[in-house]
C-alpha atoms as a PDB file:
ATOM      1  CA  MET A   1     -23.903 -27.853  19.321  1.00  0.00           C
ATOM      2  CA  THR A   2     -25.850 -27.787  16.090  1.00  0.00           C
ATOM      3  CA  SER A   3     -24.474 -29.103  12.809  1.00  0.00           C
ATOM      4  CA  ARG A   4     -24.801 -25.589  11.319  1.00  0.00           C
ATOM      5  CA  ARG A   5     -22.602 -24.172  14.053  1.00  0.00           C
ATOM      6  CA  LEU A   6     -20.064 -26.975  13.638  1.00  0.00           C
ATOM      7  CA  PHE A   7     -19.941 -26.276   9.903  1.00  0.00           C
ATOM      8  CA  GLY A   8     -19.354 -22.547  10.589  1.00  0.00           C
ATOM      9  CA  LEU A   9     -16.511 -23.295  12.992  1.00  0.00           C
ATOM     10  CA  ALA A  10     -14.924 -25.748  10.547  1.00  0.00           C
ATOM     11  CA  LEU A  11     -15.164 -23.205   7.718  1.00  0.00           C
ATOM     12  CA  ALA A  12     -13.610 -20.455   9.868  1.00  0.00           C
ATOM     13  CA  GLY A  13     -10.778 -22.822  10.806  1.00  0.00           C
ATOM     14  CA  CYS A  14     -10.088 -23.607   7.142  1.00  0.00           C
ATOM     15  CA  LEU A  15     -10.054 -19.907   6.200  1.00  0.00           C
ATOM     16  CA  LEU A  16      -7.686 -19.079   9.035  1.00  0.00           C
ATOM     17  CA  ALA A  17      -5.404 -21.973   8.100  1.00  0.00           C
ATOM     18  CA  THR A  18      -5.165 -20.783   4.498  1.00  0.00           C
ATOM     19  CA  GLY A  19      -4.717 -17.121   5.444  1.00  0.00           C
ATOM     20  CA  ALA A  20      -7.861 -16.154   3.547  1.00  0.00           C
ATOM     21  CA  LEU A  21      -8.946 -13.900   6.393  1.00  0.00           C
ATOM     22  CA  ALA A  22      -5.539 -12.257   6.769  1.00  0.00           C
ATOM     23  CA  ALA A  23      -5.511  -8.602   5.746  1.00  0.00           C
ATOM     24  CA  ASP A  24      -2.987  -7.232   3.314  1.00  0.00           C
ATOM     25  CA  PRO A  25       0.006  -5.663   5.090  1.00  0.00           C
ATOM     26  CA  GLU A  26      -0.347  -1.899   5.384  1.00  0.00           C
ATOM     27  CA  VAL A  27       2.461   0.607   4.859  1.00  0.00           C
ATOM     28  CA  LEU A  28       2.053   4.271   5.828  1.00  0.00           C
ATOM     29  CA  LEU A  29       3.614   6.807   3.475  1.00  0.00           C
ATOM     30  CA  VAL A  30       3.491  10.505   4.382  1.00  0.00           C
ATOM     31  CA  ILE A  31       3.752  13.471   2.047  1.00  0.00           C
ATOM     32  CA  LYS A  32       5.188  16.418   3.963  1.00  0.00           C
ATOM     33  CA  ASN A  33       6.930  19.492   2.584  1.00  0.00           C
ATOM     34  CA  HIS A  34       6.469  17.968  -0.891  1.00  0.00           C
ATOM     35  CA  ARG A  35       8.555  14.893   0.024  1.00  0.00           C
ATOM     36  CA  PHE A  36       7.635  11.277   0.677  1.00  0.00           C
ATOM     37  CA  GLU A  37       8.499   9.944   4.132  1.00  0.00           C
ATOM     38  CA  PRO A  38       9.921   7.385   4.204  1.00  0.00           C
ATOM     39  CA  ALA A  39      11.445   7.764   0.757  1.00  0.00           C
ATOM     40  CA  GLU A  40      12.336   4.060   0.744  1.00  0.00           C
ATOM     41  CA  VAL A  41       9.811   1.356   1.580  1.00  0.00           C
ATOM     42  CA  LYS A  42      10.805  -2.297   1.874  1.00  0.00           C
ATOM     43  CA  VAL A  43       8.103  -4.912   1.350  1.00  0.00           C
ATOM     44  CA  LYS A  44       7.974  -8.656   1.056  1.00  0.00           C
ATOM     45  CA  ALA A  45       8.076  -9.910  -2.537  1.00  0.00           C
ATOM     46  CA  GLY A  46       5.069 -11.893  -3.699  1.00  0.00           C
ATOM     47  CA  GLN A  47       2.649 -10.180  -1.330  1.00  0.00           C
ATOM     48  CA  LYS A  48      -0.104  -7.633  -1.870  1.00  0.00           C
ATOM     49  CA  ILE A  49       0.501  -4.371  -0.022  1.00  0.00           C
ATOM     50  CA  LYS A  50      -1.850  -1.608   1.007  1.00  0.00           C
ATOM     51  CA  LEU A  51      -0.082   1.766   0.763  1.00  0.00           C
ATOM     52  CA  VAL A  52      -1.848   4.361   2.875  1.00  0.00           C
ATOM     53  CA  VAL A  53      -0.628   7.745   1.655  1.00  0.00           C
ATOM     54  CA  HIS A  54      -1.294  10.665   3.996  1.00  0.00           C
ATOM     55  CA  ASN A  55      -0.777  14.027   2.332  1.00  0.00           C
ATOM     56  CA  GLN A  56       0.024  16.370   5.214  1.00  0.00           C
ATOM     57  CA  ASP A  57       0.682  19.307   2.887  1.00  0.00           C
ATOM     58  CA  SER A  58      -2.053  21.846   2.230  1.00  0.00           C
ATOM     59  CA  THR A  59      -1.838  21.342  -1.542  1.00  0.00           C
ATOM     60  CA  PRO A  60      -2.748  18.242  -3.568  1.00  0.00           C
ATOM     61  CA  GLU A  61      -0.130  15.765  -4.745  1.00  0.00           C
ATOM     62  CA  GLU A  62      -0.304  12.955  -7.253  1.00  0.00           C
ATOM     63  CA  PHE A  63       1.301   9.648  -6.335  1.00  0.00           C
ATOM     64  CA  GLU A  64       2.576   8.232  -9.597  1.00  0.00           C
ATOM     65  CA  SER A  65       4.611   5.181 -10.503  1.00  0.00           C
ATOM     66  CA  HIS A  66       5.169   3.868 -13.986  1.00  0.00           C
ATOM     67  CA  SER A  67       6.747   0.650 -12.715  1.00  0.00           C
ATOM     68  CA  LEU A  68       3.866  -0.009 -10.282  1.00  0.00           C
ATOM     69  CA  LYS A  69       1.322   1.208 -12.853  1.00  0.00           C
ATOM     70  CA  ARG A  70      -0.427   3.390 -10.281  1.00  0.00           C
ATOM     71  CA  GLU A  71      -1.415   7.037 -10.074  1.00  0.00           C
ATOM     72  CA  LYS A  72      -3.703   8.775  -7.665  1.00  0.00           C
ATOM     73  CA  VAL A  73      -4.317  12.407  -6.733  1.00  0.00           C
ATOM     74  CA  ILE A  74      -4.426  12.974  -2.988  1.00  0.00           C
ATOM     75  CA  PRO A  75      -5.929  16.300  -1.859  1.00  0.00           C
ATOM     76  CA  GLY A  76      -4.101  18.307   0.806  1.00  0.00           C
ATOM     77  CA  GLY A  77      -4.705  17.000   4.322  1.00  0.00           C
ATOM     78  CA  GLN A  78      -6.284  13.781   3.037  1.00  0.00           C
ATOM     79  CA  LYS A  79      -5.397  10.081   2.934  1.00  0.00           C
ATOM     80  CA  ALA A  80      -5.664   7.627   0.079  1.00  0.00           C
ATOM     81  CA  THR A  81      -5.180   3.887  -0.164  1.00  0.00           C
ATOM     82  CA  ILE A  82      -3.249   2.400  -3.079  1.00  0.00           C
ATOM     83  CA  LEU A  83      -3.058  -1.354  -3.520  1.00  0.00           C
ATOM     84  CA  ILE A  84       0.111  -2.751  -5.067  1.00  0.00           C
ATOM     85  CA  GLY A  85       1.496  -6.194  -5.750  1.00  0.00           C
ATOM     86  CA  PRO A  86       2.129  -8.957  -5.440  1.00  0.00           C
ATOM     87  CA  LEU A  87       5.538  -7.728  -6.613  1.00  0.00           C
ATOM     88  CA  LYS A  88       8.511  -9.602  -7.997  1.00  0.00           C
ATOM     89  CA  PRO A  89      11.794  -8.840  -6.217  1.00  0.00           C
ATOM     90  CA  GLY A  90      13.100  -5.474  -7.411  1.00  0.00           C
ATOM     91  CA  ARG A  91      12.946  -1.691  -7.141  1.00  0.00           C
ATOM     92  CA  TYR A  92       9.811   0.245  -8.077  1.00  0.00           C
ATOM     93  CA  THR A  93      10.195   4.008  -8.178  1.00  0.00           C
ATOM     94  CA  PHE A  94       7.412   6.488  -7.502  1.00  0.00           C
ATOM     95  CA  PHE A  95       7.149  10.279  -7.465  1.00  0.00           C
ATOM     96  CA  GLY A  96       4.791  13.144  -6.828  1.00  0.00           C
ATOM     97  CA  GLU A  97       3.855  14.480 -10.209  1.00  0.00           C
ATOM     98  CA  PHE A  98       3.089  17.965  -8.863  1.00  0.00           C
ATOM     99  CA  HIS A  99       6.481  18.247  -7.101  1.00  0.00           C
ATOM    100  CA  GLU A 100       8.592  15.800  -9.052  1.00  0.00           C
ATOM    101  CA  LYS A 101      11.945  17.364  -8.104  1.00  0.00           C
ATOM    102  CA  THR A 102      11.466  16.761  -4.349  1.00  0.00           C
ATOM    103  CA  ALA A 103       8.795  14.062  -4.024  1.00  0.00           C
ATOM    104  CA  GLN A 104      10.710  10.905  -4.915  1.00  0.00           C
ATOM    105  CA  GLY A 105      10.637   7.396  -3.515  1.00  0.00           C
ATOM    106  CA  VAL A 106      11.121   3.720  -4.126  1.00  0.00           C
ATOM    107  CA  VAL A 107       9.429   0.489  -3.099  1.00  0.00           C
ATOM    108  CA  ILE A 108      11.922  -2.340  -2.693  1.00  0.00           C
ATOM    109  CA  ALA A 109      10.438  -5.822  -2.862  1.00  0.00           C
ATOM    110  CA  GLU A 110      12.688  -8.486  -1.301  1.00  0.00           C
END
């Protein structure tokens, strides 16, 4: 085994041990009938999260959260990825700006 290969294996082992290669946890959020499903999402505090929002309605919706400081328009029938966190323990509300009365939700970091 060459020294270059040994170095590569050692580096990969270090990255795995530190979690550097671990992907951010992914949470699927669906918009259907102008509502978020699930309306309540629990995540681990102190961790980055990848929200994958699938808008199954035929019209666009805007994911918006003042407490998460995120907003993104998602066209009808499309998906979007929104990165959040790491979050302190607490509740972070979000809503669909185009259907604010029905599209409501909360991220709970524990």
